[in-house]
Amino acid sequence: MQPLAEPAIVRIGGPMNARPVGGTARTTTARSLAEIAADVAASRVAGARSVVFAGGEPTVRSDLARLGALPHRAGLGSGLVSSGRALVYPGVRSRILRSGVDYLRVALHAPTAAVHDRLVGVEGAFEQTWAGLSALLAEASRELFVDASCTVVAPNAELLPQLVQRLSKLERNATLGVRFVAPLVVDDEAEWPAPDTLDRVEEALELAGGLVASWEGFPPCLLAGYAEARDERLRWGAPAYGPEDGGDALLREPADGRANPYPCRDCIHGASCPGAPTAALEHWGEAALAPVRGVQANSFNFEQAEALGKVAPSAADCAVRARTHLAHPVRNLVLLRDGAASLYRSPTSDFSDAEVRRTRDELEQVYLDISETAVLTEFTSGIRRVRPHSVCSSCSDRARCPAVWEIDPELPFAREERWLKKEVSRARGRVLDVGCGEQPYRAEIAAGIAAGHIDYHGLDPDAAAIERFRAAGVGGRLEVGSIEDLDVAEGFYDYVFVFRSLNHFFDLERAFTVIERALRVGGMLYVCDSVVFAMLRTRAQVEWADTHAAVGHEHYRNWSSLELLEFLERYRFRVNVHRPVGPDSSNQWILKLLRSPNS
């Protein structure tokens, strides 16, 4: 059970019953019920499905019952954020229950009075909060969700398991949750929790079997084993109404309060992770993060689902929209081929709707598999590019329709391949080819070796690929190994080729440290690789491709050229040519970089 769906926060002003941990208690003018009702109405228009009242102390208001009922009148869920002290009074509990509030968040920062009272700055606060919480849990029905919210700081870190154990023993009718919250600020820097505090949070979450456990505000990778317990809807992202300078028991992050520093770039959770809180990064540094590096998919399929017959798009009364009324149009696509239309659907779980939309609609990197045995290696001959029909491209209803796509008669990758072949043939001097095993420009390399233009060194971790290269009789020195482990004299090479192997590097930092050292000042680095793309396939093609997928060619990332350029800001390279991926290009981007002077 989760607290409230798609919440908005409405600040009510007024006094606080205790200061937020790490914050400062402030007393502001209480807002009128009419002002608050206007904000509730505005939140409903904006699309919120629930409202949480915070800022000031809701439980001290004489109109508490009417306040809590306001969202229900607008058809929304209703919640309160409280210090919990006033719950000790039966009248306050009665008004809360009469209002029909769905969610109550109570600040409880320790299982003992000594620590809790010190953190909130009010003597006797723990006894009042604990007694009131105990009584409310017994008096309420199961429809009320009560969340005991603990801000984790150094003084209470060792007590977190004990807090869970004590909460678990409370008799209750209401649903009880326990929430561990990362601080945003602290009055005393010594109170900021250390990274190993997360061990105590994990221990507490493990003990919370009878409670609804959640956490918020910590770098997600540090609690990866409890990802399902992350609930940050009130922490950041939810719209807030009312004066921002009022006291607020909620710890709210600013819109720019998350960051994805370098260690996050290769993490397999990148698409689903909101980033590390900047407050934690300021205290712990990037080194505290624990990104998970692993194999990632670099493409997804649209599988043929239904033959639609002769269906054509139209600016008015479109038959395609009428035939394909879909809940998730972004995961569907209609292909017009030889006068007949077919509906294709993507079941991918490797990519989110946003990633599918970027691939399909923003970059238009969608290809039709025309080979019965393509395993994504026969790009130049086994696939064809598909593009949105001209009528669909300008349609105002595009976002709600899968759209009709047509086959592009131009061969994909032709322009990029011509450019790369010409550049390879121009190389002179010592050449290091990283990931050379499936090198598509062997003819140009062989010609350069035969003419004495290049001293060629091919490197690939796949021994079988090296043997295939050697059997082709290209020549040069071929070596099994990884770029991360290559021992080379400084400035030894005039050219370094990284063709479609960047996303296979396990450790980018080590790899480019070696490449930077190996390339002479003024030497050229060529890098090309692919962004995520989509394939249109029949079920039989999907099964064949899955069965015959290449082994030993793991993708650890799907970087664009822009992402690589941002990463390379820490190295000595200057951009000479940049050909990014877009609707008018294939899914293969190209960078030509000049090795800058060491100064």
Foldseek 3Di string as FASTA:
>chain_A
DDQFFQEAEEEFFAFAPFAAQQGDGDHGDGHDLVVRLVVLVVLVVVPGQAYEYWFHALLVDPCSLVSQQSNVVVNHAGEYEHCQLSLLDPVSLVSNQNSVHQEYEHEDAAPDQVQRCVRRVHRPSNVSNVNSVLVSQAVHAQSHEYEHEHEQWQVHLQRLLVVLVVVLPRDGRYAYAYEYEYALHHPDPNGHDDLCSVVSVVNNVVNNPRHLYAYEQAQCQSVVVPNVRYDCSVAEDHHYDDDPPGRGNHNHADNPQFDQDPVNALALCNQVGPHGGVSCCVSHNPVSGDGHFDFADQEFEFAFDFWPFQADADLPPHPQCVVDQDPQLLQWAWEQDPRTITITGTPDPRDDSVVSCCQCPWQQQEKEFQDLQDLPPPQQPGIFRKDFDPSLVPHPCNNRHNGYIYTDPDGACPVVVVVVLVVLLPAAEEEEEAQCLSPPNLVSLLVCVVVVRYQYEYEEQDPVSQVVSVVVVSDHHYDHDHLLPDDAAFQQGQEYEAEACQQQHRDNVSNVVSVLRPHHAFGKYKHKHFHYHYYYYYPSSVVSNVVPHDPPRGGSHRDWPVVVVVVCVVFQKDWDDWATRHNVHHRMTMTMIGRHDPD
